[in-house]
PDB file of all heavy atoms in Angstrom:
ATOM      1  N   ILE A   1      10.906   7.799  17.609  1.00  0.00           N
ATOM      2  CA  ILE A   1      12.298   7.529  17.760  1.00  0.00           C
ATOM      3  C   ILE A   1      13.241   8.554  17.537  1.00  0.00           C
ATOM      4  O   ILE A   1      13.235   9.133  16.538  1.00  0.00           O
ATOM      5  CB  ILE A   1      12.784   6.137  17.149  1.00  0.00           C
ATOM      6  CG1 ILE A   1      12.189   4.851  17.817  1.00  0.00           C
ATOM      7  CG2 ILE A   1      14.310   5.959  17.233  1.00  0.00           C
ATOM      8  CD1 ILE A   1      12.430   3.654  17.144  1.00  0.00           C
ATOM      9  N   VAL A   2      13.984   8.879  18.529  1.00  0.00           N
ATOM     10  CA  VAL A   2      15.171   9.931  18.277  1.00  0.00           C
ATOM     11  C   VAL A   2      16.481   9.235  17.913  1.00  0.00           C
ATOM     12  O   VAL A   2      16.565   7.927  18.052  1.00  0.00           O
ATOM     13  CB  VAL A   2      15.361  10.683  19.586  1.00  0.00           C
ATOM     14  CG1 VAL A   2      14.038  11.491  19.909  1.00  0.00           C
ATOM     15  CG2 VAL A   2      15.717   9.850  20.689  1.00  0.00           C
ATOM     16  N   PRO A   3      17.378   9.974  17.585  1.00  0.00           N
ATOM     17  CA  PRO A   3      18.675   9.333  17.197  1.00  0.00           C
ATOM     18  C   PRO A   3      19.165   8.347  18.257  1.00  0.00           C
ATOM     19  O   PRO A   3      19.073   8.611  19.496  1.00  0.00           O
ATOM     20  CB  PRO A   3      19.769  10.487  17.013  1.00  0.00           C
ATOM     21  CG  PRO A   3      18.842  11.595  16.595  1.00  0.00           C
ATOM     22  CD  PRO A   3      17.540  11.441  17.395  1.00  0.00           C
ATOM     23  N   ASP A   4      19.906   7.206  17.921  1.00  0.00           N
ATOM     24  CA  ASP A   4      20.417   6.301  18.769  1.00  0.00           C
ATOM     25  C   ASP A   4      21.162   6.954  19.835  1.00  0.00           C
ATOM     26  O   ASP A   4      21.180   6.503  21.064  1.00  0.00           O
ATOM     27  CB  ASP A   4      21.221   5.283  18.128  1.00  0.00           C
ATOM     28  CG  ASP A   4      20.375   4.407  17.204  1.00  0.00           C
ATOM     29  OD1 ASP A   4      19.206   4.503  17.313  1.00  0.00           O
ATOM     30  OD2 ASP A   4      21.040   3.632  16.384  1.00  0.00           O
ATOM     31  N   LYS A   5      22.019   8.012  19.625  1.00  0.00           N
ATOM     32  CA  LYS A   5      22.818   8.548  20.592  1.00  0.00           C
ATOM     33  C   LYS A   5      21.910   9.169  21.750  1.00  0.00           C
ATOM     34  O   LYS A   5      22.284   8.979  22.925  1.00  0.00           O
ATOM     35  CB  LYS A   5      23.531   9.791  20.006  1.00  0.00           C
ATOM     36  CG  LYS A   5      24.548  10.468  20.819  1.00  0.00           C
ATOM     37  CD  LYS A   5      25.544  11.271  20.006  1.00  0.00           C
ATOM     38  CE  LYS A   5      25.044  12.726  19.926  1.00  0.00           C
ATOM     39  NZ  LYS A   5      26.043  13.522  19.331  1.00  0.00           N
ATOM     40  N   GLU A   6      20.790   9.666  21.455  1.00  0.00           N
ATOM     41  CA  GLU A   6      19.877  10.154  22.474  1.00  0.00           C
ATOM     42  C   GLU A   6      19.270   9.038  23.224  1.00  0.00           C
ATOM     43  O   GLU A   6      19.007   9.050  24.433  1.00  0.00           O
ATOM     44  CB  GLU A   6      18.738  11.035  21.804  1.00  0.00           C
ATOM     45  CG  GLU A   6      19.208  12.256  21.151  1.00  0.00           C
ATOM     46  CD  GLU A   6      19.782  13.215  22.185  1.00  0.00           C
ATOM     47  OE1 GLU A   6      19.306  13.355  23.309  1.00  0.00           O
ATOM     48  OE2 GLU A   6      20.970  13.747  21.863  1.00  0.00           O
ATOM     49  N   LEU A   7      18.953   7.914  22.539  1.00  0.00           N
ATOM     50  CA  LEU A   7      18.409   6.782  23.205  1.00  0.00           C
ATOM     51  C   LEU A   7      19.501   6.236  24.266  1.00  0.00           C
ATOM     52  O   LEU A   7      19.114   5.862  25.334  1.00  0.00           O
ATOM     53  CB  LEU A   7      18.088   5.617  22.239  1.00  0.00           C
ATOM     54  CG  LEU A   7      16.799   5.588  21.618  1.00  0.00           C
ATOM     55  CD1 LEU A   7      16.692   4.523  20.527  1.00  0.00           C
ATOM     56  CD2 LEU A   7      15.531   5.467  22.544  1.00  0.00           C
ATOM     57  N   ARG A   8      20.705   6.131  23.893  1.00  0.00           N
ATOM     58  CA  ARG A   8      21.763   5.635  24.790  1.00  0.00           C
ATOM     59  C   ARG A   8      21.953   6.555  25.953  1.00  0.00           C
ATOM     60  O   ARG A   8      22.320   5.956  27.032  1.00  0.00           O
ATOM     61  CB  ARG A   8      23.075   5.465  23.925  1.00  0.00           C
ATOM     62  CG  ARG A   8      23.147   4.198  23.167  1.00  0.00           C
ATOM     63  CD  ARG A   8      24.476   3.975  22.562  1.00  0.00           C
ATOM     64  NE  ARG A   8      24.375   3.331  21.319  1.00  0.00           N
ATOM     65  CZ  ARG A   8      24.698   3.972  20.186  1.00  0.00           C
ATOM     66  NH1 ARG A   8      25.048   5.149  20.249  1.00  0.00           N
ATOM     67  NH2 ARG A   8      24.437   3.388  19.050  1.00  0.00           N
ATOM     68  N   LYS A   9      21.680   7.841  25.878  1.00  0.00           N
ATOM     69  CA  LYS A   9      21.677   8.607  27.028  1.00  0.00           C
ATOM     70  C   LYS A   9      20.750   8.239  28.168  1.00  0.00           C
ATOM     71  O   LYS A   9      20.961   8.243  29.245  1.00  0.00           O
ATOM     72  CB  LYS A   9      21.532  10.096  26.623  1.00  0.00           C
ATOM     73  CG  LYS A   9      22.710  10.732  26.029  1.00  0.00           C
ATOM     74  CD  LYS A   9      22.357  12.261  25.739  1.00  0.00           C
ATOM     75  CE  LYS A   9      23.437  12.861  24.817  1.00  0.00           C
ATOM     76  NZ  LYS A   9      23.043  14.170  24.483  1.00  0.00           N
ATOM     77  N   ARG A  10      19.567   7.815  27.592  1.00  0.00           N
ATOM     78  CA  ARG A  10      18.473   7.523  28.497  1.00  0.00           C
ATOM     79  C   ARG A  10      18.641   6.010  29.063  1.00  0.00           C
ATOM     80  O   ARG A  10      18.464   5.770  30.280  1.00  0.00           O
ATOM     81  CB  ARG A  10      17.197   7.683  27.903  1.00  0.00           C
ATOM     82  CG  ARG A  10      16.916   9.146  27.839  1.00  0.00           C
ATOM     83  CD  ARG A  10      15.458   9.344  27.229  1.00  0.00           C
ATOM     84  NE  ARG A  10      15.647  10.184  25.977  1.00  0.00           N
ATOM     85  CZ  ARG A  10      14.828   9.938  24.975  1.00  0.00           C
ATOM     86  NH1 ARG A  10      13.873   9.046  24.985  1.00  0.00           N
ATOM     87  NH2 ARG A  10      15.092  10.661  23.873  1.00  0.00           N
ATOM     88  N   ARG A  11      18.908   5.147  28.192  1.00  0.00           N
ATOM     89  CA  ARG A  11      19.102   3.744  28.552  1.00  0.00           C
ATOM     90  C   ARG A  11      20.023   3.161  27.460  1.00  0.00           C
ATOM     91  O   ARG A  11      20.163   3.663  26.376  1.00  0.00           O
ATOM     92  CB  ARG A  11      17.733   3.022  28.380  1.00  0.00           C
ATOM     93  CG  ARG A  11      16.731   3.483  29.380  1.00  0.00           C
ATOM     94  CD  ARG A  11      15.508   2.542  29.353  1.00  0.00           C
ATOM     95  NE  ARG A  11      14.559   2.958  30.466  1.00  0.00           N
ATOM     96  CZ  ARG A  11      13.303   2.987  30.231  1.00  0.00           C
ATOM     97  NH1 ARG A  11      12.807   2.707  29.045  1.00  0.00           N
ATOM     98  NH2 ARG A  11      12.601   3.326  31.182  1.00  0.00           N
ATOM     99  N   PRO A  12      20.646   1.980  27.750  1.00  0.00           N
ATOM    100  CA  PRO A  12      21.561   1.429  26.872  1.00  0.00           C
ATOM    101  C   PRO A  12      20.922   0.697  25.648  1.00  0.00           C
ATOM    102  O   PRO A  12      21.070  -0.503  25.533  1.00  0.00           O
ATOM    103  CB  PRO A  12      22.481   0.476  27.648  1.00  0.00           C
ATOM    104  CG  PRO A  12      21.578   0.082  28.789  1.00  0.00           C
ATOM    105  CD  PRO A  12      20.721   1.329  29.056  1.00  0.00           C
ATOM    106  N   TYR A  13      20.173   1.433  24.907  1.00  0.00           N
ATOM    107  CA  TYR A  13      19.522   0.779  23.748  1.00  0.00           C
ATOM    108  C   TYR A  13      20.364   0.880  22.437  1.00  0.00           C
ATOM    109  O   TYR A  13      21.064   1.868  22.300  1.00  0.00           O
ATOM    110  CB  TYR A  13      18.183   1.461  23.401  1.00  0.00           C
ATOM    111  CG  TYR A  13      17.089   1.147  24.390  1.00  0.00           C
ATOM    112  CD1 TYR A  13      16.482   2.167  25.051  1.00  0.00           C
ATOM    113  CD2 TYR A  13      16.547  -0.051  24.462  1.00  0.00           C
ATOM    114  CE1 TYR A  13      15.537   1.989  25.952  1.00  0.00           C
ATOM    115  CE2 TYR A  13      15.432  -0.320  25.345  1.00  0.00           C
ATOM    116  CZ  TYR A  13      14.945   0.618  26.105  1.00  0.00           C
ATOM    117  OH  TYR A  13      13.927   0.417  26.951  1.00  0.00           O
ATOM    118  N   SER A  14      20.082   0.008  21.498  1.00  0.00           N
ATOM    119  CA  SER A  14      20.748   0.060  20.181  1.00  0.00           C
ATOM    120  C   SER A  14      19.532  -0.284  19.238  1.00  0.00           C
ATOM    121  O   SER A  14      18.875  -1.298  19.515  1.00  0.00           O
ATOM    122  CB  SER A  14      21.860  -0.989  20.065  1.00  0.00           C
ATOM    123  OG  SER A  14      22.404  -0.896  18.813  1.00  0.00           O
ATOM    124  N   VAL A  15      19.478   0.454  18.126  1.00  0.00           N
ATOM    125  CA  VAL A  15      18.245   0.151  17.194  1.00  0.00           C
ATOM    126  C   VAL A  15      18.925  -0.071  15.739  1.00  0.00           C
ATOM    127  O   VAL A  15      19.805   0.718  15.380  1.00  0.00           O
ATOM    128  CB  VAL A  15      17.327   1.386  17.153  1.00  0.00           C
ATOM    129  CG1 VAL A  15      16.246   0.927  16.134  1.00  0.00           C
ATOM    130  CG2 VAL A  15      16.791   1.687  18.544  1.00  0.00           C
ATOM    131  N   LEU A  16      18.679  -1.136  15.318  1.00  0.00           N
ATOM    132  CA  LEU A  16      19.073  -1.522  13.915  1.00  0.00           C
ATOM    133  C   LEU A  16      17.939  -1.540  12.956  1.00  0.00           C
ATOM    134  O   LEU A  16      16.923  -2.135  13.303  1.00  0.00           O
ATOM    135  CB  LEU A  16      19.766  -2.815  13.978  1.00  0.00           C
ATOM    136  CG  LEU A  16      20.411  -3.478  12.665  1.00  0.00           C
ATOM    137  CD1 LEU A  16      21.629  -2.628  12.286  1.00  0.00           C
ATOM    138  CD2 LEU A  16      20.769  -4.792  12.776  1.00  0.00           C
ATOM    139  N   TYR A  17      18.130  -0.839  11.801  1.00  0.00           N
ATOM    140  CA  TYR A  17      17.032  -0.818  10.827  1.00  0.00           C
ATOM    141  C   TYR A  17      17.320  -1.592   9.714  1.00  0.00           C
ATOM    142  O   TYR A  17      18.435  -1.651   9.135  1.00  0.00           O
ATOM    143  CB  TYR A  17      16.796   0.602  10.474  1.00  0.00           C
ATOM    144  CG  TYR A  17      16.495   1.525  11.632  1.00  0.00           C
ATOM    145  CD1 TYR A  17      17.543   2.223  12.318  1.00  0.00           C
ATOM    146  CD2 TYR A  17      15.239   1.724  12.018  1.00  0.00           C
ATOM    147  CE1 TYR A  17      17.292   2.998  13.443  1.00  0.00           C
ATOM    148  CE2 TYR A  17      15.045   2.488  13.167  1.00  0.00           C
ATOM    149  CZ  TYR A  17      15.903   3.242  13.770  1.00  0.00           C
ATOM    150  OH  TYR A  17      15.701   4.010  14.839  1.00  0.00           O
ATOM    151  N   LEU A  18      16.311  -2.218   9.067  1.00  0.00           N
ATOM    152  CA  LEU A  18      16.408  -2.912   7.744  1.00  0.00           C
ATOM    153  C   LEU A  18      15.661  -1.988   6.838  1.00  0.00           C
ATOM    154  O   LEU A  18      14.473  -1.725   7.079  1.00  0.00           O
ATOM    155  CB  LEU A  18      15.801  -4.277   7.771  1.00  0.00           C
ATOM    156  CG  LEU A  18      15.836  -5.111   6.441  1.00  0.00           C
ATOM    157  CD1 LEU A  18      17.322  -5.286   6.011  1.00  0.00           C
ATOM    158  CD2 LEU A  18      15.165  -6.443   6.611  1.00  0.00           C
ATOM    159  N   VAL A  19      16.285  -1.381   5.732  1.00  0.00           N
ATOM    160  CA  VAL A  19      15.661  -0.412   4.882  1.00  0.00           C
ATOM    161  C   VAL A  19      15.727  -0.894   3.386  1.00  0.00           C
ATOM    162  O   VAL A  19      16.612  -1.477   3.039  1.00  0.00           O
ATOM    163  CB  VAL A  19      16.345   0.943   5.119  1.00  0.00           C
ATOM    164  CG1 VAL A  19      16.172   1.449   6.545  1.00  0.00           C
ATOM    165  CG2 VAL A  19      17.794   0.840   4.732  1.00  0.00           C
ATOM    166  N   SER A  20      14.856  -0.239   2.629  1.00  0.00           N
ATOM    167  CA  SER A  20      14.857  -0.257   1.328  1.00  0.00           C
ATOM    168  C   SER A  20      15.344   1.091   0.935  1.00  0.00           C
ATOM    169  O   SER A  20      15.516   1.991   1.806  1.00  0.00           O
ATOM    170  CB  SER A  20      13.551  -0.476   0.641  1.00  0.00           C
ATOM    171  OG  SER A  20      12.688   0.625   0.855  1.00  0.00           O
ATOM    172  N   PRO A  21      15.532   1.453  -0.316  1.00  0.00           N
ATOM    173  CA  PRO A  21      16.013   2.824  -0.793  1.00  0.00           C
ATOM    174  C   PRO A  21      14.967   3.927  -0.192  1.00  0.00           C
ATOM    175  O   PRO A  21      15.370   4.955   0.178  1.00  0.00           O
ATOM    176  CB  PRO A  21      16.167   2.896  -2.120  1.00  0.00           C
ATOM    177  CG  PRO A  21      16.502   1.443  -2.559  1.00  0.00           C
ATOM    178  CD  PRO A  21      15.648   0.637  -1.610  1.00  0.00           C
ATOM    179  N   GLU A  22      13.729   3.547  -0.138  1.00  0.00           N
ATOM    180  CA  GLU A  22      12.770   4.568   0.207  1.00  0.00           C
ATOM    181  C   GLU A  22      12.180   4.532   1.621  1.00  0.00           C
ATOM    182  O   GLU A  22      11.657   5.506   2.071  1.00  0.00           O
ATOM    183  CB  GLU A  22      11.486   4.424  -0.734  1.00  0.00           C
ATOM    184  CG  GLU A  22      11.681   4.504  -2.218  1.00  0.00           C
ATOM    185  CD  GLU A  22      12.107   3.168  -2.721  1.00  0.00           C
ATOM    186  OE1 GLU A  22      11.693   2.074  -2.281  1.00  0.00           O
ATOM    187  OE2 GLU A  22      12.821   3.139  -3.715  1.00  0.00           O
ATOM    188  N   ARG A  23      12.389   3.444   2.337  1.00  0.00           N
ATOM    189  CA  ARG A  23      11.575   3.257   3.571  1.00  0.00           C
ATOM    190  C   ARG A  23      12.296   2.226   4.537  1.00  0.00           C
ATOM    191  O   ARG A  23      13.113   1.327   4.152  1.00  0.00           O
ATOM    192  CB  ARG A  23      10.217   2.768   3.351  1.00  0.00           C
ATOM    193  CG  ARG A  23       9.928   1.430   2.717  1.00  0.00           C
ATOM    194  CD  ARG A  23       8.487   1.029   2.462  1.00  0.00           C
ATOM    195  NE  ARG A  23       7.704   1.322   3.544  1.00  0.00           N
ATOM    196  CZ  ARG A  23       6.747   2.412   3.558  1.00  0.00           C
ATOM    197  NH1 ARG A  23       6.726   3.179   2.671  1.00  0.00           N
ATOM    198  NH2 ARG A  23       6.073   2.557   4.631  1.00  0.00           N
ATOM    199  N   ILE A  24      11.892   2.321   5.797  1.00  0.00           N
ATOM    200  CA  ILE A  24      12.196   1.342   6.835  1.00  0.00           C
ATOM    201  C   ILE A  24      11.331   0.238   6.737  1.00  0.00           C
ATOM    202  O   ILE A  24       9.979   0.298   6.654  1.00  0.00           O
ATOM    203  CB  ILE A  24      12.081   1.982   8.231  1.00  0.00           C
ATOM    204  CG1 ILE A  24      13.130   3.119   8.454  1.00  0.00           C
ATOM    205  CG2 ILE A  24      12.193   0.896   9.315  1.00  0.00           C
ATOM    206  CD1 ILE A  24      12.808   3.890   9.704  1.00  0.00           C
TER     207      ILE A  24
END
């Protein structure tokens, strides 16, 4: 996955992550 900005250029995607301090 590339930055959301790059995803939106290709398709109208939005990605939301749930993270701990160390990981997704």
